[in-house]
Amino acid sequence: MASFLRTLFLGASITLIGAAAHADSNAPIRLVIGFPPGGALDNLARSLAEDLRTTLKEPVLVENRPGASTRISIEAVKAARPDGRTILLGATPPFVLFPMTYARLNYDVDKDFIPIAHLANVPSVLSAGAGQPFKTLPEYVAWVRKNPTGASVGLTNLGGALHFSVLQLSKAIGVPLAPVTYKGGAPLATDLIGGHVPFAADALASQLELHRAGKLRILGVAGTRRLSWLPDVPTIKESGYDAFDRANAAYAAFVPAGTPKDVAAKLEAALLAAMRNPQVRAQVDRMGLEATGLPGAEVTRIMREDRAYWRPIVKASGFRSED
């Protein structure tokens, strides 16, 4: 009888394990993002999900996990089973700058994740309300030197590349620019248009249509080359300041550490194919993003270069987040 019960128990266990494995294999693939619906990354994620449903022939869902400067989404993916069913779509600053600026992080950027695809660059711009008396960056610099009480600069977060770039600009022009943080690009743009903040640094995606509508004015673009959407707007470097040369972020895909190499390679191939899809690329362009579609190894290389660039700048700033 004891032998019979052991055999019965073993058979039942194998059945349950098999059922669990079957259930996991039928679970949808989740694209987890750290932003609410409606933003640039959310729209990119939904375009990718639609493409992946066709190429992988599996259900693909977008899961919004906003909060804590996207750390909630990052920690959720870190804790997920490394089976290829959970993919983080995130911006690179939490992997580049947060280890330098946050006193405590519940993830290790090098040990807890595998980058599998570089999806898009996120161009950034400096802008002002259309009613401001300056129309170019040099004019703004001249204005703020004469009006230092108006030296507030709108930002959507502290501790990111744009924040440190503003600090570098502040040093270059000899005026203590004061960052004013907003909970997102929309409220920042509203205050910029209303004249409540004279100057701002934010992603192009939040500013492009308002610039086209004449509600605000983009004065300069970050990086070292002009943007196709704004061929007549000079780079900040062209205006005489190199503080924003590496201020642009990127969107990339990551899976939890421990994901089998063949699974990660399959997902990488599918994401790169999706980024070559003309419909996806057109949607990305409409959002003010630059489609890339580079392998995961490029994500690692670019983030390593970004860390080397920003480390001395962050250290010199003395900035530290206790959040």
C-alpha atoms as a PDB file:
ATOM      1  CA  MET A   1       0.000   0.000   0.000  1.00  0.00           C
ATOM      2  CA  ALA A   2       2.838   2.423   0.893  1.00  0.00           C
ATOM      3  CA  SER A   3       4.498   1.706  -2.443  1.00  0.00           C
ATOM      4  CA  PHE A   4       1.224   2.288  -4.248  1.00  0.00           C
ATOM      5  CA  LEU A   5       0.676   5.628  -2.481  1.00  0.00           C
ATOM      6  CA  ARG A   6       4.232   6.775  -3.287  1.00  0.00           C
ATOM      7  CA  THR A   7       3.679   5.901  -6.947  1.00  0.00           C
ATOM      8  CA  LEU A   8       0.330   7.677  -6.954  1.00  0.00           C
ATOM      9  CA  PHE A   9       1.845  10.777  -5.317  1.00  0.00           C
ATOM     10  CA  LEU A  10       4.747  10.834  -7.772  1.00  0.00           C
ATOM     11  CA  GLY A  11       2.388  10.542 -10.720  1.00  0.00           C
ATOM     12  CA  ALA A  12       0.200  13.318  -9.422  1.00  0.00           C
ATOM     13  CA  SER A  13       3.250  15.563  -8.864  1.00  0.00           C
ATOM     14  CA  ILE A  14       4.493  14.983 -12.401  1.00  0.00           C
ATOM     15  CA  THR A  15       1.026  15.788 -13.725  1.00  0.00           C
ATOM     16  CA  LEU A  16       0.871  19.029 -11.742  1.00  0.00           C
ATOM     17  CA  ILE A  17       4.371  20.073 -12.836  1.00  0.00           C
ATOM     18  CA  GLY A  18       3.476  19.351 -16.455  1.00  0.00           C
ATOM     19  CA  ALA A  19       0.254  21.283 -16.162  1.00  0.00           C
ATOM     20  CA  ALA A  20       2.077  24.252 -14.625  1.00  0.00           C
ATOM     21  CA  ALA A  21       4.680  24.207 -17.377  1.00  0.00           C
ATOM     22  CA  HIS A  22       1.958  24.018 -20.005  1.00  0.00           C
ATOM     23  CA  ALA A  23       0.133  26.912 -18.371  1.00  0.00           C
ATOM     24  CA  ASP A  24       3.330  29.000 -18.294  1.00  0.00           C
ATOM     25  CA  SER A  25       4.042  28.288 -21.950  1.00  0.00           C
ATOM     26  CA  ASN A  26       0.540  29.516 -22.805  1.00  0.00           C
ATOM     27  CA  ALA A  27       0.866  32.663 -20.699  1.00  0.00           C
ATOM     28  CA  PRO A  28       0.993  35.837 -22.785  1.00  0.00           C
ATOM     29  CA  ILE A  29       4.268  37.608 -23.320  1.00  0.00           C
ATOM     30  CA  ARG A  30       4.218  40.794 -21.275  1.00  0.00           C
ATOM     31  CA  LEU A  31       5.889  44.024 -22.387  1.00  0.00           C
ATOM     32  CA  VAL A  32       6.294  45.911 -19.108  1.00  0.00           C
ATOM     33  CA  ILE A  33       6.797  49.687 -19.161  1.00  0.00           C
ATOM     34  CA  GLY A  34       7.208  52.182 -16.340  1.00  0.00           C
ATOM     35  CA  PHE A  35       4.898  54.852 -17.749  1.00  0.00           C
ATOM     36  CA  PRO A  36       1.117  55.306 -17.885  1.00  0.00           C
ATOM     37  CA  PRO A  37      -0.807  54.790 -21.134  1.00  0.00           C
ATOM     38  CA  GLY A  38      -0.625  57.422 -23.845  1.00  0.00           C
ATOM     39  CA  GLY A  39       3.043  58.373 -23.818  1.00  0.00           C
ATOM     40  CA  ALA A  40       5.737  57.752 -26.406  1.00  0.00           C
ATOM     41  CA  LEU A  41       7.023  54.507 -24.877  1.00  0.00           C
ATOM     42  CA  ASP A  42       3.482  53.207 -24.377  1.00  0.00           C
ATOM     43  CA  ASN A  43       2.707  53.828 -28.057  1.00  0.00           C
ATOM     44  CA  LEU A  44       5.964  52.169 -29.099  1.00  0.00           C
ATOM     45  CA  ALA A  45       5.188  49.175 -26.894  1.00  0.00           C
ATOM     46  CA  ARG A  46       1.733  48.762 -28.439  1.00  0.00           C
ATOM     47  CA  SER A  47       3.159  48.941 -31.960  1.00  0.00           C
ATOM     48  CA  LEU A  48       5.705  46.273 -31.050  1.00  0.00           C
ATOM     49  CA  ALA A  49       3.074  44.090 -29.386  1.00  0.00           C
ATOM     50  CA  GLU A  50       0.960  44.121 -32.543  1.00  0.00           C
ATOM     51  CA  ASP A  51       3.940  43.087 -34.658  1.00  0.00           C
ATOM     52  CA  LEU A  52       5.132  40.401 -32.216  1.00  0.00           C
ATOM     53  CA  ARG A  53       1.699  38.766 -32.080  1.00  0.00           C
ATOM     54  CA  THR A  54       2.100  38.033 -35.776  1.00  0.00           C
ATOM     55  CA  THR A  55       5.759  37.018 -35.889  1.00  0.00           C
ATOM     56  CA  LEU A  56       5.795  34.957 -32.678  1.00  0.00           C
ATOM     57  CA  LYS A  57       2.206  33.704 -33.110  1.00  0.00           C
ATOM     58  CA  GLU A  58       1.577  34.252 -29.420  1.00  0.00           C
ATOM     59  CA  PRO A  59      -0.496  36.648 -27.331  1.00  0.00           C
ATOM     60  CA  VAL A  60       1.481  39.764 -26.364  1.00  0.00           C
ATOM     61  CA  LEU A  61       0.223  42.274 -23.799  1.00  0.00           C
ATOM     62  CA  VAL A  62       1.456  45.694 -22.721  1.00  0.00           C
ATOM     63  CA  GLU A  63       1.558  46.075 -18.941  1.00  0.00           C
ATOM     64  CA  ASN A  64       1.844  49.618 -17.550  1.00  0.00           C
ATOM     65  CA  ARG A  65       3.631  49.750 -14.187  1.00  0.00           C
ATOM     66  CA  PRO A  66       4.304  53.475 -13.608  1.00  0.00           C
ATOM     67  CA  GLY A  67       5.829  54.971 -10.514  1.00  0.00           C
ATOM     68  CA  ALA A  68       9.098  55.639  -8.664  1.00  0.00           C
ATOM     69  CA  SER A  69      10.823  56.988 -11.791  1.00  0.00           C
ATOM     70  CA  THR A  70      10.155  53.638 -13.559  1.00  0.00           C
ATOM     71  CA  ARG A  71      11.823  51.611 -10.784  1.00  0.00           C
ATOM     72  CA  ILE A  72       8.555  49.773 -10.066  1.00  0.00           C
ATOM     73  CA  SER A  73       8.536  48.324 -13.573  1.00  0.00           C
ATOM     74  CA  ILE A  74      12.238  47.460 -13.399  1.00  0.00           C
ATOM     75  CA  GLU A  75      11.853  45.633 -10.094  1.00  0.00           C
ATOM     76  CA  ALA A  76       8.787  43.765 -11.381  1.00  0.00           C
ATOM     77  CA  VAL A  77      10.752  42.399 -14.337  1.00  0.00           C
ATOM     78  CA  LYS A  78      13.739  41.554 -12.141  1.00  0.00           C
ATOM     79  CA  ALA A  79      11.416  39.398  -9.990  1.00  0.00           C
ATOM     80  CA  ALA A  80       9.773  37.694 -12.988  1.00  0.00           C
ATOM     81  CA  ARG A  81      10.573  34.145 -14.030  1.00  0.00           C
ATOM     82  CA  PRO A  82      13.431  34.197 -16.582  1.00  0.00           C
ATOM     83  CA  ASP A  83      11.526  32.279 -19.225  1.00  0.00           C
ATOM     84  CA  GLY A  84      11.168  34.910 -21.949  1.00  0.00           C
ATOM     85  CA  ARG A  85       7.542  35.695 -21.096  1.00  0.00           C
ATOM     86  CA  THR A  86       8.342  39.043 -19.432  1.00  0.00           C
ATOM     87  CA  ILE A  87      10.221  41.829 -21.230  1.00  0.00           C
ATOM     88  CA  LEU A  88      11.054  45.254 -19.863  1.00  0.00           C
ATOM     89  CA  LEU A  89      10.810  48.138 -22.310  1.00  0.00           C
ATOM     90  CA  GLY A  90      12.551  50.996 -20.598  1.00  0.00           C
ATOM     91  CA  ALA A  91      14.648  54.105 -20.961  1.00  0.00           C
ATOM     92  CA  THR A  92      18.392  53.824 -20.447  1.00  0.00           C
ATOM     93  CA  PRO A  93      18.921  56.484 -17.689  1.00  0.00           C
ATOM     94  CA  PRO A  94      17.745  54.159 -14.871  1.00  0.00           C
ATOM     95  CA  PHE A  95      20.498  51.769 -15.980  1.00  0.00           C
ATOM     96  CA  VAL A  96      23.139  54.447 -16.575  1.00  0.00           C
ATOM     97  CA  LEU A  97      22.566  57.242 -14.057  1.00  0.00           C
ATOM     98  CA  PHE A  98      20.473  55.842 -11.213  1.00  0.00           C
ATOM     99  CA  PRO A  99      23.350  53.736  -9.820  1.00  0.00           C
ATOM    100  CA  MET A 100      25.293  56.998  -9.495  1.00  0.00           C
ATOM    101  CA  THR A 101      22.482  59.105  -8.043  1.00  0.00           C
ATOM    102  CA  TYR A 102      20.257  56.886  -5.884  1.00  0.00           C
ATOM    103  CA  ALA A 103      21.408  56.012  -2.395  1.00  0.00           C
ATOM    104  CA  ARG A 104      19.519  52.713  -2.605  1.00  0.00           C
ATOM    105  CA  LEU A 105      18.485  50.612  -5.605  1.00  0.00           C
ATOM    106  CA  ASN A 106      16.724  47.252  -5.433  1.00  0.00           C
ATOM    107  CA  TYR A 107      18.330  46.045  -8.649  1.00  0.00           C
ATOM    108  CA  ASP A 108      21.818  45.612 -10.062  1.00  0.00           C
ATOM    109  CA  VAL A 109      21.970  46.958 -13.606  1.00  0.00           C
ATOM    110  CA  ASP A 110      24.700  44.538 -14.673  1.00  0.00           C
ATOM    111  CA  LYS A 111      23.677  41.383 -12.817  1.00  0.00           C
ATOM    112  CA  ASP A 112      19.873  41.365 -12.910  1.00  0.00           C
ATOM    113  CA  PHE A 113      19.125  42.000 -16.613  1.00  0.00           C
ATOM    114  CA  ILE A 114      20.134  41.039 -20.128  1.00  0.00           C
ATOM    115  CA  PRO A 115      19.757  43.768 -22.781  1.00  0.00           C
ATOM    116  CA  ILE A 116      18.248  42.237 -25.918  1.00  0.00           C
ATOM    117  CA  ALA A 117      17.507  45.169 -28.241  1.00  0.00           C
ATOM    118  CA  HIS A 118      18.122  48.889 -28.712  1.00  0.00           C
ATOM    119  CA  LEU A 119      14.777  50.151 -30.013  1.00  0.00           C
ATOM    120  CA  ALA A 120      14.886  53.921 -30.457  1.00  0.00           C
ATOM    121  CA  ASN A 121      16.709  57.091 -29.566  1.00  0.00           C
ATOM    122  CA  VAL A 122      14.754  59.692 -27.614  1.00  0.00           C
ATOM    123  CA  PRO A 123      15.747  63.171 -28.847  1.00  0.00           C
ATOM    124  CA  SER A 124      15.616  65.998 -26.319  1.00  0.00           C
ATOM    125  CA  VAL A 125      15.175  69.734 -26.835  1.00  0.00           C
ATOM    126  CA  LEU A 126      15.372  73.075 -25.089  1.00  0.00           C
ATOM    127  CA  SER A 127      12.228  75.159 -25.474  1.00  0.00           C
ATOM    128  CA  ALA A 128      10.379  78.265 -24.368  1.00  0.00           C
ATOM    129  CA  GLY A 129       6.857  79.609 -24.521  1.00  0.00           C
ATOM    130  CA  ALA A 130       6.017  81.427 -27.739  1.00  0.00           C
ATOM    131  CA  GLY A 131       5.481  84.644 -25.804  1.00  0.00           C
ATOM    132  CA  GLN A 132       8.977  84.806 -24.341  1.00  0.00           C
ATOM    133  CA  PRO A 133      11.210  87.663 -25.592  1.00  0.00           C
ATOM    134  CA  PHE A 134      14.000  85.330 -26.753  1.00  0.00           C
ATOM    135  CA  LYS A 135      13.843  83.264 -29.929  1.00  0.00           C
ATOM    136  CA  THR A 136      17.240  81.528 -29.899  1.00  0.00           C
ATOM    137  CA  LEU A 137      19.450  79.937 -27.270  1.00  0.00           C
ATOM    138  CA  PRO A 138      22.031  82.779 -27.401  1.00  0.00           C
ATOM    139  CA  GLU A 139      19.179  85.253 -26.909  1.00  0.00           C
ATOM    140  CA  TYR A 140      17.966  83.213 -23.921  1.00  0.00           C
ATOM    141  CA  VAL A 141      21.456  83.241 -22.397  1.00  0.00           C
ATOM    142  CA  ALA A 142      21.660  87.011 -22.785  1.00  0.00           C
ATOM    143  CA  TRP A 143      18.158  87.393 -21.309  1.00  0.00           C
ATOM    144  CA  VAL A 144      18.718  85.144 -18.282  1.00  0.00           C
ATOM    145  CA  ARG A 145      22.000  86.901 -17.465  1.00  0.00           C
ATOM    146  CA  LYS A 146      20.040  90.173 -17.252  1.00  0.00           C
ATOM    147  CA  ASN A 147      17.089  88.494 -15.481  1.00  0.00           C
ATOM    148  CA  PRO A 148      18.575  85.916 -13.084  1.00  0.00           C
ATOM    149  CA  THR A 149      15.327  85.793 -11.106  1.00  0.00           C
ATOM    150  CA  GLY A 150      13.821  84.096 -14.172  1.00  0.00           C
ATOM    151  CA  ALA A 151      16.418  81.337 -14.196  1.00  0.00           C
ATOM    152  CA  SER A 152      14.004  78.478 -13.506  1.00  0.00           C
ATOM    153  CA  VAL A 153      14.118  75.545 -15.919  1.00  0.00           C
ATOM    154  CA  GLY A 154      11.309  73.013 -16.237  1.00  0.00           C
ATOM    155  CA  LEU A 155      12.270  69.317 -16.088  1.00  0.00           C
ATOM    156  CA  THR A 156      10.283  66.106 -15.703  1.00  0.00           C
ATOM    157  CA  ASN A 157      12.749  64.571 -13.217  1.00  0.00           C
ATOM    158  CA  LEU A 158      15.940  65.134 -11.286  1.00  0.00           C
ATOM    159  CA  GLY A 159      18.973  62.915 -11.572  1.00  0.00           C
ATOM    160  CA  GLY A 160      18.611  62.309 -15.309  1.00  0.00           C
ATOM    161  CA  ALA A 161      20.797  63.347 -18.227  1.00  0.00           C
ATOM    162  CA  LEU A 162      18.806  66.516 -18.885  1.00  0.00           C
ATOM    163  CA  HIS A 163      19.165  67.586 -15.247  1.00  0.00           C
ATOM    164  CA  PHE A 164      22.938  67.220 -15.342  1.00  0.00           C
ATOM    165  CA  SER A 165      23.096  68.885 -18.749  1.00  0.00           C
ATOM    166  CA  VAL A 166      21.215  71.892 -17.347  1.00  0.00           C
ATOM    167  CA  LEU A 167      23.723  72.035 -14.490  1.00  0.00           C
ATOM    168  CA  GLN A 168      26.534  72.003 -17.043  1.00  0.00           C
ATOM    169  CA  LEU A 169      24.859  74.813 -19.008  1.00  0.00           C
ATOM    170  CA  SER A 170      24.424  76.763 -15.785  1.00  0.00           C
ATOM    171  CA  LYS A 171      28.151  76.494 -15.150  1.00  0.00           C
ATOM    172  CA  ALA A 172      29.006  77.503 -18.720  1.00  0.00           C
ATOM    173  CA  ILE A 173      26.896  80.670 -18.741  1.00  0.00           C
ATOM    174  CA  GLY A 174      27.616  81.684 -15.154  1.00  0.00           C
ATOM    175  CA  VAL A 175      23.979  81.796 -14.064  1.00  0.00           C
ATOM    176  CA  PRO A 176      22.579  79.461 -11.346  1.00  0.00           C
ATOM    177  CA  LEU A 177      19.730  77.825 -13.281  1.00  0.00           C
ATOM    178  CA  ALA A 178      17.094  76.412 -10.920  1.00  0.00           C
ATOM    179  CA  PRO A 179      15.446  73.108 -11.940  1.00  0.00           C
ATOM    180  CA  VAL A 180      11.667  72.961 -11.417  1.00  0.00           C
ATOM    181  CA  THR A 181      10.298  69.430 -11.664  1.00  0.00           C
ATOM    182  CA  TYR A 182       6.979  68.321 -13.175  1.00  0.00           C
ATOM    183  CA  LYS A 183       5.212  64.967 -13.100  1.00  0.00           C
ATOM    184  CA  GLY A 184       5.266  64.661 -16.881  1.00  0.00           C
ATOM    185  CA  GLY A 185       5.724  66.357 -20.216  1.00  0.00           C
ATOM    186  CA  ALA A 186       2.087  67.504 -20.446  1.00  0.00           C
ATOM    187  CA  PRO A 187       1.981  69.630 -17.264  1.00  0.00           C
ATOM    188  CA  LEU A 188       5.443  70.981 -18.082  1.00  0.00           C
ATOM    189  CA  ALA A 189       4.298  72.042 -21.549  1.00  0.00           C
ATOM    190  CA  THR A 190       1.167  73.655 -20.066  1.00  0.00           C
ATOM    191  CA  ASP A 191       3.230  75.826 -17.729  1.00  0.00           C
ATOM    192  CA  LEU A 192       5.701  76.605 -20.499  1.00  0.00           C
ATOM    193  CA  ILE A 193       2.917  77.813 -22.797  1.00  0.00           C
ATOM    194  CA  GLY A 194       1.314  79.776 -19.949  1.00  0.00           C
ATOM    195  CA  GLY A 195       4.561  81.532 -19.102  1.00  0.00           C
ATOM    196  CA  HIS A 196       4.783  80.061 -15.577  1.00  0.00           C
ATOM    197  CA  VAL A 197       8.226  78.692 -16.364  1.00  0.00           C
ATOM    198  CA  PRO A 198      10.305  80.500 -19.006  1.00  0.00           C
ATOM    199  CA  PHE A 199      12.512  77.684 -20.218  1.00  0.00           C
ATOM    200  CA  ALA A 200      12.463  73.880 -20.285  1.00  0.00           C
ATOM    201  CA  ALA A 201      14.386  70.755 -21.239  1.00  0.00           C
ATOM    202  CA  ASP A 202      12.306  67.753 -22.264  1.00  0.00           C
ATOM    203  CA  ALA A 203      11.862  65.003 -24.842  1.00  0.00           C
ATOM    204  CA  LEU A 204      10.995  66.089 -28.375  1.00  0.00           C
ATOM    205  CA  ALA A 205       7.958  63.795 -28.287  1.00  0.00           C
ATOM    206  CA  SER A 206       6.296  66.049 -25.706  1.00  0.00           C
ATOM    207  CA  GLN A 207       7.071  69.264 -27.562  1.00  0.00           C
ATOM    208  CA  LEU A 208       7.009  68.662 -31.316  1.00  0.00           C
ATOM    209  CA  GLU A 209       3.321  69.185 -32.109  1.00  0.00           C
ATOM    210  CA  LEU A 210       3.123  72.213 -29.810  1.00  0.00           C
ATOM    211  CA  HIS A 211       6.128  73.702 -31.603  1.00  0.00           C
ATOM    212  CA  ARG A 212       4.474  73.074 -34.970  1.00  0.00           C
ATOM    213  CA  ALA A 213       1.295  74.719 -33.701  1.00  0.00           C
ATOM    214  CA  GLY A 214       3.237  77.812 -32.615  1.00  0.00           C
ATOM    215  CA  LYS A 215       2.350  77.395 -28.931  1.00  0.00           C
ATOM    216  CA  LEU A 216       5.955  77.013 -27.862  1.00  0.00           C
ATOM    217  CA  ARG A 217       9.317  77.479 -29.510  1.00  0.00           C
ATOM    218  CA  ILE A 218      12.104  74.892 -29.642  1.00  0.00           C
ATOM    219  CA  LEU A 219      15.406  76.763 -29.341  1.00  0.00           C
ATOM    220  CA  GLY A 220      17.905  73.933 -29.673  1.00  0.00           C
ATOM    221  CA  VAL A 221      18.213  70.167 -29.934  1.00  0.00           C
ATOM    222  CA  ALA A 222      20.457  67.920 -27.859  1.00  0.00           C
ATOM    223  CA  GLY A 223      23.100  65.712 -29.422  1.00  0.00           C
ATOM    224  CA  THR A 224      25.596  66.544 -32.127  1.00  0.00           C
ATOM    225  CA  ARG A 225      23.397  66.667 -35.237  1.00  0.00           C
ATOM    226  CA  ARG A 226      20.174  68.325 -36.273  1.00  0.00           C
ATOM    227  CA  LEU A 227      16.891  66.433 -36.323  1.00  0.00           C
ATOM    228  CA  SER A 228      14.926  65.550 -39.447  1.00  0.00           C
ATOM    229  CA  TRP A 229      11.736  66.937 -37.867  1.00  0.00           C
ATOM    230  CA  LEU A 230      13.429  70.294 -37.159  1.00  0.00           C
ATOM    231  CA  PRO A 231      16.021  70.909 -39.878  1.00  0.00           C
ATOM    232  CA  ASP A 232      16.059  74.656 -39.197  1.00  0.00           C
ATOM    233  CA  VAL A 233      16.632  74.333 -35.443  1.00  0.00           C
ATOM    234  CA  PRO A 234      20.329  74.260 -34.517  1.00  0.00           C
ATOM    235  CA  THR A 235      21.898  71.835 -32.110  1.00  0.00           C
ATOM    236  CA  ILE A 236      22.790  73.250 -28.713  1.00  0.00           C
ATOM    237  CA  LYS A 237      26.391  72.580 -29.662  1.00  0.00           C
ATOM    238  CA  GLU A 238      26.000  74.793 -32.740  1.00  0.00           C
ATOM    239  CA  SER A 239      24.840  77.558 -30.407  1.00  0.00           C
ATOM    240  CA  GLY A 240      28.133  77.297 -28.535  1.00  0.00           C
ATOM    241  CA  TYR A 241      27.412  74.888 -25.666  1.00  0.00           C
ATOM    242  CA  ASP A 242      28.389  71.212 -25.518  1.00  0.00           C
ATOM    243  CA  ALA A 243      26.570  70.463 -22.251  1.00  0.00           C
ATOM    244  CA  PHE A 244      23.847  68.491 -24.071  1.00  0.00           C
ATOM    245  CA  ASP A 245      26.018  66.364 -26.385  1.00  0.00           C
ATOM    246  CA  ARG A 246      24.991  63.127 -24.580  1.00  0.00           C
ATOM    247  CA  ALA A 247      21.673  64.254 -23.104  1.00  0.00           C
ATOM    248  CA  ASN A 248      19.493  62.053 -25.315  1.00  0.00           C
ATOM    249  CA  ALA A 249      18.146  58.854 -23.800  1.00  0.00           C
ATOM    250  CA  ALA A 250      17.177  55.650 -25.591  1.00  0.00           C
ATOM    251  CA  TYR A 251      14.500  53.000 -25.287  1.00  0.00           C
ATOM    252  CA  ALA A 252      15.711  49.413 -25.024  1.00  0.00           C
ATOM    253  CA  ALA A 253      14.401  45.936 -24.210  1.00  0.00           C
ATOM    254  CA  PHE A 254      15.655  43.810 -21.322  1.00  0.00           C
ATOM    255  CA  VAL A 255      14.868  40.352 -19.940  1.00  0.00           C
ATOM    256  CA  PRO A 256      15.642  39.004 -16.457  1.00  0.00           C
ATOM    257  CA  ALA A 257      19.078  37.500 -15.879  1.00  0.00           C
ATOM    258  CA  GLY A 258      18.991  33.740 -16.250  1.00  0.00           C
ATOM    259  CA  THR A 259      16.845  33.788 -19.384  1.00  0.00           C
ATOM    260  CA  PRO A 260      18.169  30.984 -21.633  1.00  0.00           C
ATOM    261  CA  LYS A 261      20.410  32.237 -24.433  1.00  0.00           C
ATOM    262  CA  ASP A 262      18.279  30.701 -27.180  1.00  0.00           C
ATOM    263  CA  VAL A 263      15.133  32.329 -25.762  1.00  0.00           C
ATOM    264  CA  ALA A 264      16.839  35.725 -25.491  1.00  0.00           C
ATOM    265  CA  ALA A 265      18.179  35.351 -29.054  1.00  0.00           C
ATOM    266  CA  LYS A 266      14.695  34.539 -30.380  1.00  0.00           C
ATOM    267  CA  LEU A 267      13.211  37.615 -28.702  1.00  0.00           C
ATOM    268  CA  GLU A 268      16.058  39.793 -29.934  1.00  0.00           C
ATOM    269  CA  ALA A 269      15.504  38.654 -33.521  1.00  0.00           C
ATOM    270  CA  ALA A 270      11.758  39.285 -33.243  1.00  0.00           C
ATOM    271  CA  LEU A 271      12.213  42.787 -31.816  1.00  0.00           C
ATOM    272  CA  LEU A 272      14.813  43.753 -34.423  1.00  0.00           C
ATOM    273  CA  ALA A 273      12.501  42.495 -37.168  1.00  0.00           C
ATOM    274  CA  ALA A 274       9.670  44.551 -35.664  1.00  0.00           C
ATOM    275  CA  MET A 275      11.816  47.681 -35.737  1.00  0.00           C
ATOM    276  CA  ARG A 276      12.389  47.091 -39.463  1.00  0.00           C
ATOM    277  CA  ASN A 277       8.638  46.968 -40.090  1.00  0.00           C
ATOM    278  CA  PRO A 278       7.719  50.129 -42.077  1.00  0.00           C
ATOM    279  CA  GLN A 279       4.481  50.534 -40.122  1.00  0.00           C
ATOM    280  CA  VAL A 280       6.292  50.427 -36.778  1.00  0.00           C
ATOM    281  CA  ARG A 281       8.974  52.816 -38.007  1.00  0.00           C
ATOM    282  CA  ALA A 282       6.338  55.256 -39.287  1.00  0.00           C
ATOM    283  CA  GLN A 283       4.594  55.191 -35.915  1.00  0.00           C
ATOM    284  CA  VAL A 284       7.911  55.753 -34.131  1.00  0.00           C
ATOM    285  CA  ASP A 285       8.664  58.713 -36.411  1.00  0.00           C
ATOM    286  CA  ARG A 286       5.262  60.268 -35.710  1.00  0.00           C
ATOM    287  CA  MET A 287       6.053  60.103 -31.993  1.00  0.00           C
ATOM    288  CA  GLY A 288       9.281  62.087 -32.364  1.00  0.00           C
ATOM    289  CA  LEU A 289      11.519  59.073 -31.788  1.00  0.00           C
ATOM    290  CA  GLU A 290      14.395  57.802 -33.928  1.00  0.00           C
ATOM    291  CA  ALA A 291      13.988  54.099 -34.697  1.00  0.00           C
ATOM    292  CA  THR A 292      17.229  52.141 -34.340  1.00  0.00           C
ATOM    293  CA  GLY A 293      16.773  48.373 -34.048  1.00  0.00           C
ATOM    294  CA  LEU A 294      20.228  47.393 -32.771  1.00  0.00           C
ATOM    295  CA  PRO A 295      21.195  44.137 -31.017  1.00  0.00           C
ATOM    296  CA  GLY A 296      21.463  43.849 -27.257  1.00  0.00           C
ATOM    297  CA  ALA A 297      25.265  43.989 -27.358  1.00  0.00           C
ATOM    298  CA  GLU A 298      24.991  47.556 -28.652  1.00  0.00           C
ATOM    299  CA  VAL A 299      22.846  48.507 -25.649  1.00  0.00           C
ATOM    300  CA  THR A 300      25.605  47.281 -23.354  1.00  0.00           C
ATOM    301  CA  ARG A 301      28.299  49.154 -25.272  1.00  0.00           C
ATOM    302  CA  ILE A 302      26.380  52.446 -25.431  1.00  0.00           C
ATOM    303  CA  MET A 303      25.443  52.346 -21.746  1.00  0.00           C
ATOM    304  CA  ARG A 304      29.067  51.648 -20.806  1.00  0.00           C
ATOM    305  CA  GLU A 305      30.186  54.717 -22.785  1.00  0.00           C
ATOM    306  CA  ASP A 306      27.424  56.834 -21.240  1.00  0.00           C
ATOM    307  CA  ARG A 307      28.449  55.821 -17.723  1.00  0.00           C
ATOM    308  CA  ALA A 308      32.065  56.791 -18.390  1.00  0.00           C
ATOM    309  CA  TYR A 309      30.921  60.183 -19.717  1.00  0.00           C
ATOM    310  CA  TRP A 310      28.499  61.000 -16.903  1.00  0.00           C
ATOM    311  CA  ARG A 311      30.367  59.618 -13.879  1.00  0.00           C
ATOM    312  CA  PRO A 312      32.707  62.614 -13.323  1.00  0.00           C
ATOM    313  CA  ILE A 313      29.898  65.088 -14.065  1.00  0.00           C
ATOM    314  CA  VAL A 314      27.531  63.466 -11.566  1.00  0.00           C
ATOM    315  CA  LYS A 315      30.282  63.255  -8.949  1.00  0.00           C
ATOM    316  CA  ALA A 316      31.170  66.936  -9.386  1.00  0.00           C
ATOM    317  CA  SER A 317      27.481  67.930  -9.030  1.00  0.00           C
ATOM    318  CA  GLY A 318      27.188  66.345  -5.589  1.00  0.00           C
ATOM    319  CA  PHE A 319      23.613  65.335  -6.429  1.00  0.00           C
ATOM    320  CA  ARG A 320      22.193  62.366  -4.535  1.00  0.00           C
ATOM    321  CA  SER A 321      18.635  61.090  -4.349  1.00  0.00           C
ATOM    322  CA  GLU A 322      17.305  59.593  -1.129  1.00  0.00           C
ATOM    323  CA  ASP A 323      13.962  58.687  -2.763  1.00  0.00           C
END
